[in-house]
Structure formats: C-alpha cells, structure tokens
Amino acid sequence: MTDLKVHDVRGEIPDDDQSIRLMDHPDSAEEIPTLDMSPYLSGQSGGRESVAAQLRTISRTVGFFYLKGHGIPQDLIDRVFEESRRFHSLPSGAKSAIPYFDTGSFKSGYQPCFKDDYQRTNINIIANAKPNLVAKFSINREGGSGGLSMSDQERGARVNVWPENLPGFKETLLAYHAGIEKLGRQFLPLWATSLKLPLDYFDKFFATPHLTMSLLYYPPQKQIGDRQYGIAPHTDNALMTFLAQKDIPGLAVRMPSGRWRTVEIVPGALLVNTGNLIVRWTNDEYLSTKHRVINTNEVDRYSIPVFFGPSGDALIEVLPTCQSAERPALYEPITYLKLREWYYGPRI
C-alpha cells in the first residue's frame, strides 16, 4: 500500500521515551470543545451555518469534541451499556463461541483481551506496543458496507453473529446502531457546509456506510508503562467516531500543545473525533487526533464507540475546495476499502 500513500496521514509519530511518558501521564488542561447540534437539527435560522463553522474550527484545531443536542435518547444509551455489562459478564466459553471474523475488511464478533495484533499494523502509532487490555464485541451494518458495487453474494454475506440467551440484546444494539447511522448522515451537510461544498456532496459516498459498533470492556490496569495500554496510542480511520462513555474515565487525547489530556465524562454528551479519512479529503486541513486508553481505576470500564465512514467502494480524493495550484494534493485517490487495508496492514 505504500505506493498509494504519498504522504503519511498520521502525521509525525514520535516514539522516544519522553513522548511515551507524555502519552502515559497526561497533564494538559487544554479545553476539549463542545458542539451543540440542536440549532441545526431544530431547523433554526442560520443553525446549519453556525454549527458547521464551529465544526470547522474544532476539526482544524483539536479534532475531538463533546456533542450535545444529538437526539439520541439517554434511555437508549443507558440500555446499551446495560447490555454490554450483561454480555461481558457471560462465561468466557459463551463469549468465545462467537467468532471474530472479517467481511470485506469490516470486523465483527467477539475478541477477548490481549488477542489483537495491532502492534504489527498501521493502527498503532508507536512500535512494540503490547496487545491491548480490552475485550470487545463488534457488529456491523447488515447487508454489507461495500457500496453499490457489491455483488448479491457480498450483500448476502454473514455480517453479525449474536450471543444466545440474551433476550433484548440484539434489538437494543440495532436500535442504537440505527440511531448513530441517522446521526452520521445528519452530519454530512455540516461537513459539506464547513468545506464550502454543495449540501449533498457527500451523499454518494455513503450509499452503504461503514458502521462498526463495539462494546468495549477494560479491566483495571494495575501498572502503567512498558507500552501496555487498554488501547495503544492510535488515530481512528473512519470519517468520525461517536463514543458513548459510562462513568469511568481512561481515555486521553493529544492536545494542540503536544501534551495529552484525560477526557472527562460529560453527562448527556457523546464524545466525537475525526479520523484519517477527513485528513485525506481535506489535504491535511482537518485533524485525526491521536488518543489512547489506560484504565487506571479500581473498577471495570465500559465504552461504546461507533465508527462511521463511507462505503468500501467510495473513491477518496482530495476535495476540490482543499487543493489548488499553490496547494497541491498530498494524497493520491484511493478507495475507502484500500484505505482500510492500509490501516490494518503491516506497520511500516
């Protein structure tokens, strides 16, 4: 994939002892901004333009924000967390009976702690990170996310495997999954407005969007250091990530100063960050901010990210409003599927 990557979307990746210490011991007091969607979603005059302008500023400076006014019922979020607790409380044999498998690069199923191989891929931004101290159950969009070019066989392929004897589990997860898909699509005109593009510009890229939802479980981590993390420092790869947090902190993000900040829990807000895709689309104008998780608490930590991106066959090119003769494209065209193959491919 190196011939398709003219410029590294991840930016600079310092890997020295001091940089690792900053990641492990966050001390920044810089602000993570808040974006309130309600003026836009309620149809308020000028609401879309105002929210899009704020989104543009955030995406150019921090790349993380608390999202309020998103329209996802708190009761539904609470029920998904309860289902996550129920699932991760199952006997290990019941969970391990669910395979962790790949359908068109979109991963579903159950993976226990210490079983990922991200340390050998382009996901991790540091070398020699240990396998992550996190267990996950992931689902993806039924019918596939490959795009309109999918064959009938691909559209009919198995996408999700559900646990047995958990009544209400599947229905609750699918309800939240659908809510986040709606929310992600509502963001598309905001992205277009922020980049001076027609409101429907991004619609064609999201015919069958990528929507990976994971129920994450982090047991307490007794020691910090030695490149052991709940999730090692990385950048996300999709357009954006919608993260629901319960009540236990552990996530830290790299702030504009280069120092790291522990993310607080804001009741009623989703935490959102932009991914590698928007960096390519905007020719490095918008950010994909580095972040990591260490559960230093005495209790288990649960979180629920949903990664929202385009169809696998969407051709990702630097946007027309983000390049010029004076500002040439830093990235060659690449499909979202190929971008994902690079992300999960061998670390270089």
Protein backbone atom coordinates (compact mmCIF):
# COMPACT_ATOMS: atom_id res chain seq x y z
CA MET A 1 0.00 0.00 0.00
CA THR A 2 2.97 2.37 0.25
CA ASP A 3 2.65 3.36 -3.42
CA LEU A 4 -0.83 4.72 -2.64
CA LYS A 5 0.28 6.71 0.39
CA VAL A 6 2.16 9.77 -0.88
CA HIS A 7 2.06 11.48 2.49
CA ASP A 8 1.55 9.91 5.92
CA VAL A 9 -1.97 10.66 7.11
CA ARG A 10 -0.95 10.02 10.72
CA GLY A 11 1.42 12.99 10.86
CA GLU A 12 4.55 12.91 12.97
CA ILE A 13 4.89 9.83 15.16
CA PRO A 14 7.47 10.42 17.92
CA ASP A 15 8.33 7.20 19.69
CA ASP A 16 11.02 8.23 22.17
CA ASP A 17 10.81 7.67 25.93
CA GLN A 18 9.72 11.25 26.67
CA SER A 19 6.90 11.10 24.12
CA ILE A 20 5.72 7.79 25.55
CA ARG A 21 5.76 9.24 29.06
CA LEU A 22 3.57 12.15 27.93
CA MET A 23 1.08 9.66 26.49
CA ASP A 24 1.10 7.58 29.66
CA HIS A 25 0.82 10.50 32.12
CA PRO A 26 -1.49 13.15 30.63
CA ASP A 27 -1.19 16.58 32.24
CA SER A 28 -2.78 19.04 29.80
CA ALA A 29 -5.54 21.36 30.97
CA GLU A 30 -6.41 22.50 27.43
CA GLU A 31 -10.11 22.54 26.67
CA ILE A 32 -11.96 19.90 24.69
CA PRO A 33 -14.68 21.97 22.98
CA THR A 34 -18.42 21.32 22.99
CA LEU A 35 -20.58 21.31 19.87
CA ASP A 36 -24.35 21.69 20.29
CA MET A 37 -26.21 20.34 17.25
CA SER A 38 -29.65 21.49 18.35
CA PRO A 39 -29.70 24.79 16.38
CA TYR A 40 -29.13 22.75 13.22
CA LEU A 41 -31.36 19.77 13.97
CA SER A 42 -34.24 22.02 15.08
CA GLY A 43 -34.10 23.96 11.82
CA GLN A 44 -33.18 27.23 13.49
CA SER A 45 -32.41 30.03 11.02
CA GLY A 46 -28.67 30.03 10.39
CA GLY A 47 -28.29 26.95 12.59
CA ARG A 48 -26.58 24.79 9.98
CA GLU A 49 -24.08 27.50 9.08
CA SER A 50 -23.31 28.27 12.72
CA VAL A 51 -22.80 24.63 13.73
CA ALA A 52 -20.74 23.95 10.58
CA ALA A 53 -18.47 26.91 11.35
CA GLN A 54 -17.86 25.56 14.84
CA LEU A 55 -17.23 22.09 13.41
CA ARG A 56 -14.65 23.54 11.03
CA THR A 57 -12.77 25.32 13.81
CA ILE A 58 -12.78 22.21 16.02
CA SER A 59 -11.62 19.96 13.18
CA ARG A 60 -8.71 22.27 12.38
CA THR A 61 -7.52 22.68 15.96
CA VAL A 62 -8.44 19.80 18.31
CA GLY A 63 -10.23 17.04 16.37
CA PHE A 64 -12.24 15.99 19.45
CA PHE A 65 -15.44 17.45 20.84
CA TYR A 66 -18.33 16.79 23.18
CA LEU A 67 -21.53 16.54 21.14
CA LYS A 68 -24.75 17.80 22.71
CA GLY A 69 -28.22 18.08 21.22
CA HIS A 70 -27.59 14.93 19.18
CA GLY A 71 -31.07 13.48 19.57
CA ILE A 72 -30.07 10.00 20.80
CA PRO A 73 -32.28 9.22 23.82
CA GLN A 74 -30.33 8.82 27.05
CA ASP A 75 -32.55 5.87 27.94
CA LEU A 76 -31.34 4.04 24.83
CA ILE A 77 -27.69 4.79 25.63
CA ASP A 78 -28.20 3.51 29.19
CA ARG A 79 -29.81 0.32 27.89
CA VAL A 80 -26.90 -0.35 25.54
CA PHE A 81 -24.47 -0.03 28.45
CA GLU A 82 -26.56 -2.48 30.45
CA GLU A 83 -26.49 -4.92 27.52
CA SER A 84 -22.72 -4.50 27.33
CA ARG A 85 -22.39 -5.33 31.01
CA ARG A 86 -24.64 -8.39 30.54
CA PHE A 87 -22.61 -9.59 27.58
CA HIS A 88 -19.18 -9.16 29.16
CA SER A 89 -20.45 -10.89 32.33
CA LEU A 90 -21.16 -14.07 30.37
CA PRO A 91 -18.90 -17.10 30.96
CA SER A 92 -15.80 -16.97 28.80
CA GLY A 93 -16.90 -20.10 26.94
CA ALA A 94 -20.17 -18.48 25.84
CA LYS A 95 -18.36 -15.38 24.58
CA SER A 96 -15.55 -17.29 22.89
CA ALA A 97 -18.13 -19.33 20.96
CA ILE A 98 -18.76 -16.15 18.95
CA PRO A 99 -16.09 -15.85 16.23
CA TYR A 100 -14.18 -12.65 15.48
CA PHE A 101 -14.27 -12.51 11.72
CA ASP A 102 -13.84 -10.28 8.71
CA THR A 103 -16.37 -9.46 5.99
CA GLY A 104 -14.92 -7.16 3.37
CA SER A 105 -12.44 -5.69 5.91
CA PHE A 106 -15.24 -4.94 8.39
CA LYS A 107 -14.66 -6.91 11.60
CA SER A 108 -17.45 -8.39 13.70
CA GLY A 109 -17.79 -10.72 16.67
CA TYR A 110 -16.00 -11.24 19.97
CA GLN A 111 -12.33 -10.70 20.73
CA PRO A 112 -11.00 -11.21 24.30
CA CYS A 113 -8.26 -9.20 25.98
CA PHE A 114 -4.72 -9.42 24.64
CA LYS A 115 -5.79 -11.06 21.36
CA ASP A 116 -5.38 -8.20 18.88
CA ASP A 117 -2.34 -7.88 16.62
CA TYR A 118 -2.44 -4.12 16.20
CA GLN A 119 1.19 -3.76 17.26
CA ARG A 120 2.15 -5.12 13.84
CA THR A 121 -0.19 -2.89 11.84
CA ASN A 122 -0.51 0.77 10.87
CA ILE A 123 -3.18 1.23 13.57
CA ASN A 124 -0.73 1.79 16.41
CA ILE A 125 1.40 4.93 16.22
CA ILE A 126 4.12 3.54 18.50
CA ALA A 127 6.30 0.49 17.95
CA ASN A 128 6.32 -2.58 20.17
CA ALA A 129 3.06 -1.85 21.95
CA LYS A 130 1.75 -4.90 23.77
CA PRO A 131 -1.60 -6.45 22.78
CA ASN A 132 -4.42 -4.32 24.14
CA LEU A 133 -6.03 -4.92 27.53
CA VAL A 134 -9.58 -4.68 26.16
CA ALA A 135 -12.29 -7.14 25.21
CA LYS A 136 -14.80 -6.26 22.50
CA PHE A 137 -17.99 -7.37 20.85
CA SER A 138 -18.48 -5.70 17.47
CA ILE A 139 -21.33 -5.50 15.00
CA ASN A 140 -21.53 -4.04 11.50
CA ARG A 141 -24.22 -2.93 9.09
CA GLU A 142 -26.46 -5.74 7.87
CA GLY A 143 -26.38 -6.00 4.09
CA GLY A 144 -22.71 -5.04 3.99
CA SER A 145 -20.83 -1.77 3.69
CA GLY A 146 -19.02 -2.36 0.42
CA GLY A 147 -21.14 0.05 -1.62
CA LEU A 148 -23.40 -0.21 -4.65
CA SER A 149 -20.79 -2.28 -6.48
CA MET A 150 -21.29 -5.21 -4.07
CA SER A 151 -22.36 -8.48 -5.64
CA ASP A 152 -25.50 -10.30 -4.49
CA GLN A 153 -23.23 -12.74 -2.67
CA GLU A 154 -21.48 -9.91 -0.83
CA ARG A 155 -24.79 -8.30 0.12
CA GLY A 156 -25.99 -11.61 1.49
CA ALA A 157 -22.83 -12.46 3.42
CA ARG A 158 -22.97 -13.02 7.16
CA VAL A 159 -22.17 -9.78 8.94
CA ASN A 160 -23.07 -10.38 12.59
CA VAL A 161 -23.17 -13.33 14.99
CA TRP A 162 -25.29 -12.76 18.09
CA PRO A 163 -24.97 -14.34 21.55
CA GLU A 164 -27.62 -16.80 22.64
CA ASN A 165 -29.86 -16.45 25.69
CA LEU A 166 -29.63 -12.65 25.97
CA PRO A 167 -33.20 -11.53 25.25
CA GLY A 168 -33.37 -7.91 24.08
CA PHE A 169 -29.63 -7.71 23.38
CA LYS A 170 -29.80 -7.71 19.59
CA GLU A 171 -32.80 -5.40 19.43
CA THR A 172 -31.22 -2.81 21.74
CA LEU A 173 -27.91 -2.78 19.89
CA LEU A 174 -29.56 -2.50 16.49
CA ALA A 175 -31.74 0.39 17.69
CA TYR A 176 -28.67 2.34 18.84
CA HIS A 177 -26.75 1.35 15.72
CA ALA A 178 -29.55 2.75 13.55
CA GLY A 179 -29.66 5.93 15.63
CA ILE A 180 -25.97 6.55 15.08
CA GLU A 181 -26.32 5.90 11.34
CA LYS A 182 -29.01 8.58 11.22
CA LEU A 183 -26.82 10.94 13.24
CA GLY A 184 -23.81 10.30 11.00
CA ARG A 185 -25.87 11.08 7.90
CA GLN A 186 -27.13 14.28 9.56
CA PHE A 187 -23.51 15.38 9.82
CA LEU A 188 -22.88 15.13 6.06
CA PRO A 189 -24.44 18.53 5.20
CA LEU A 190 -22.45 20.03 8.09
CA TRP A 191 -19.19 18.70 6.67
CA ALA A 192 -20.19 19.98 3.23
CA THR A 193 -21.03 23.44 4.58
CA SER A 194 -17.78 23.59 6.54
CA LEU A 195 -15.84 22.87 3.33
CA LYS A 196 -17.87 25.15 1.00
CA LEU A 197 -19.34 22.25 -0.96
CA PRO A 198 -22.94 21.52 -2.08
CA LEU A 199 -25.06 20.21 0.77
CA ASP A 200 -25.49 16.78 -0.86
CA TYR A 201 -21.85 16.46 -1.91
CA PHE A 202 -21.00 13.57 0.43
CA ASP A 203 -24.23 11.61 -0.01
CA LYS A 204 -22.92 9.48 -2.89
CA PHE A 205 -20.03 8.23 -0.76
CA PHE A 206 -22.37 6.83 1.92
CA ALA A 207 -24.73 4.58 -0.04
CA THR A 208 -23.98 1.70 2.37
CA PRO A 209 -21.89 3.35 5.08
CA HIS A 210 -19.30 1.74 7.29
CA LEU A 211 -20.77 1.44 10.79
CA THR A 212 -18.73 -0.65 13.20
CA MET A 213 -20.11 -0.55 16.74
CA SER A 214 -18.10 -2.08 19.57
CA LEU A 215 -18.99 -2.89 23.17
CA LEU A 216 -15.62 -2.37 24.86
CA TYR A 217 -14.67 -3.73 28.28
CA TYR A 218 -11.47 -2.62 30.06
CA PRO A 219 -10.49 -4.39 33.28
CA PRO A 220 -8.38 -2.36 35.70
CA GLN A 221 -4.75 -1.96 34.65
CA LYS A 222 -2.51 -2.33 37.68
CA GLN A 223 0.67 -0.87 36.22
CA ILE A 224 1.29 1.99 33.79
CA GLY A 225 4.19 1.81 31.36
CA ASP A 226 6.15 -0.77 29.41
CA ARG A 227 3.96 0.06 26.38
CA GLN A 228 0.90 -1.66 27.84
CA TYR A 229 -2.45 0.01 27.18
CA GLY A 230 -6.14 -0.65 27.20
CA ILE A 231 -5.91 0.63 23.64
CA ALA A 232 -2.49 1.78 22.47
CA PRO A 233 -1.97 5.28 21.00
CA HIS A 234 -3.54 5.47 17.55
CA THR A 235 -5.62 7.53 15.17
CA ASP A 236 -9.04 6.38 14.02
CA ASN A 237 -9.54 5.69 10.34
CA ALA A 238 -13.18 6.49 9.51
CA LEU A 239 -14.78 9.88 8.88
CA MET A 240 -15.73 10.20 12.54
CA THR A 241 -16.19 8.21 15.73
CA PHE A 242 -19.17 8.59 18.08
CA LEU A 243 -18.17 7.43 21.57
CA ALA A 244 -20.56 6.84 24.45
CA GLN A 245 -18.81 6.75 27.84
CA LYS A 246 -20.34 5.45 31.05
CA ASP A 247 -18.91 6.94 34.23
CA ILE A 248 -15.27 5.77 34.39
CA PRO A 249 -12.52 7.81 32.69
CA GLY A 250 -9.45 6.35 31.00
CA LEU A 251 -9.29 7.93 27.55
CA ALA A 252 -6.61 10.54 26.88
CA VAL A 253 -6.10 12.63 23.74
CA ARG A 254 -3.21 14.59 22.29
CA MET A 255 -3.98 18.29 22.50
CA PRO A 256 -2.71 21.13 20.24
CA SER A 257 0.25 21.81 22.55
CA GLY A 258 1.50 18.26 22.01
CA ARG A 259 0.69 17.31 25.58
CA TRP A 260 -2.06 14.83 26.45
CA ARG A 261 -5.31 15.39 28.36
CA THR A 262 -7.51 12.94 30.23
CA VAL A 263 -11.04 13.08 28.83
CA GLU A 264 -13.71 13.82 31.40
CA ILE A 265 -17.19 12.30 31.35
CA VAL A 266 -19.86 14.84 30.36
CA PRO A 267 -23.37 13.51 31.11
CA GLY A 268 -25.65 13.54 28.09
CA ALA A 269 -22.86 14.18 25.61
CA LEU A 270 -21.27 11.88 23.09
CA LEU A 271 -17.55 12.30 22.51
CA VAL A 272 -16.75 12.66 18.81
CA ASN A 273 -13.46 12.66 16.94
CA THR A 274 -12.43 12.86 13.32
CA GLY A 275 -10.41 10.15 11.57
CA ASN A 276 -7.79 9.61 8.88
CA LEU A 277 -10.37 9.83 6.11
CA ILE A 278 -11.08 13.52 6.72
CA VAL A 279 -7.34 14.25 6.71
CA ARG A 280 -7.08 12.84 3.19
CA TRP A 281 -10.24 14.56 2.00
CA THR A 282 -9.13 17.96 3.33
CA ASN A 283 -5.46 17.73 2.32
CA ASP A 284 -4.28 17.88 5.95
CA GLU A 285 -6.57 20.80 6.87
CA TYR A 286 -8.68 18.77 9.32
CA LEU A 287 -7.18 16.56 12.01
CA SER A 288 -7.15 12.92 13.03
CA THR A 289 -6.11 13.27 16.63
CA LYS A 290 -4.04 10.68 18.45
CA HIS A 291 -5.56 9.08 21.54
CA ARG A 292 -5.20 6.07 23.86
CA VAL A 293 -6.88 4.33 26.82
CA ILE A 294 -5.48 3.19 30.18
CA ASN A 295 -7.99 2.13 32.83
CA THR A 296 -6.15 3.19 35.98
CA ASN A 297 -9.32 2.84 38.06
CA GLU A 298 -10.08 0.07 40.54
CA VAL A 299 -13.23 -0.91 38.64
CA ASP A 300 -14.10 -2.11 35.14
CA ARG A 301 -14.55 0.47 32.39
CA TYR A 302 -17.10 0.26 29.58
CA SER A 303 -17.34 2.39 26.45
CA ILE A 304 -19.18 2.15 23.14
CA PRO A 305 -17.59 3.61 20.00
CA VAL A 306 -19.31 3.62 16.62
CA PHE A 307 -17.03 4.24 13.67
CA PHE A 308 -18.83 5.99 10.80
CA GLY A 309 -17.33 6.04 7.34
CA PRO A 310 -18.23 5.77 3.65
CA SER A 311 -18.93 2.71 1.54
CA GLY A 312 -15.97 0.47 0.79
CA ASP A 313 -16.01 1.33 -2.92
CA ALA A 314 -16.10 5.11 -2.36
CA LEU A 315 -13.17 6.78 -4.15
CA ILE A 316 -11.46 9.13 -1.72
CA GLU A 317 -9.77 12.09 -3.42
CA VAL A 318 -8.62 15.43 -2.05
CA LEU A 319 -11.69 17.69 -2.14
CA PRO A 320 -11.82 20.41 -4.81
CA THR A 321 -12.07 23.16 -2.19
CA CYS A 322 -8.95 21.84 -0.41
CA GLN A 323 -6.45 21.97 -3.27
CA SER A 324 -5.12 24.47 -5.77
CA ALA A 325 -2.03 25.20 -7.84
CA GLU A 326 -0.48 26.69 -4.71
CA ARG A 327 -1.73 23.85 -2.54
CA PRO A 328 -1.34 20.60 -4.50
CA ALA A 329 -2.94 17.36 -3.35
CA LEU A 330 -0.82 15.45 -0.84
CA TYR A 331 -2.73 12.20 -1.41
CA GLU A 332 -3.47 10.12 -4.46
CA PRO A 333 -7.02 8.78 -4.98
CA ILE A 334 -7.76 5.59 -3.07
CA THR A 335 -10.94 3.66 -2.30
CA TYR A 336 -12.09 3.50 1.27
CA LEU A 337 -11.59 -0.26 1.17
CA LYS A 338 -7.93 0.18 0.16
CA LEU A 339 -7.50 2.79 2.88
CA ARG A 340 -8.81 0.27 5.38
CA GLU A 341 -6.47 -2.40 4.03
CA TRP A 342 -3.59 0.01 4.61
CA TYR A 343 -4.81 0.78 8.15
CA TYR A 344 -4.93 -2.90 9.08
CA GLY A 345 -1.84 -3.71 7.00
CA PRO A 346 1.76 -4.29 8.12
CA ARG A 347 3.28 -1.47 10.13
CA ILE A 348 5.96 0.42 8.18
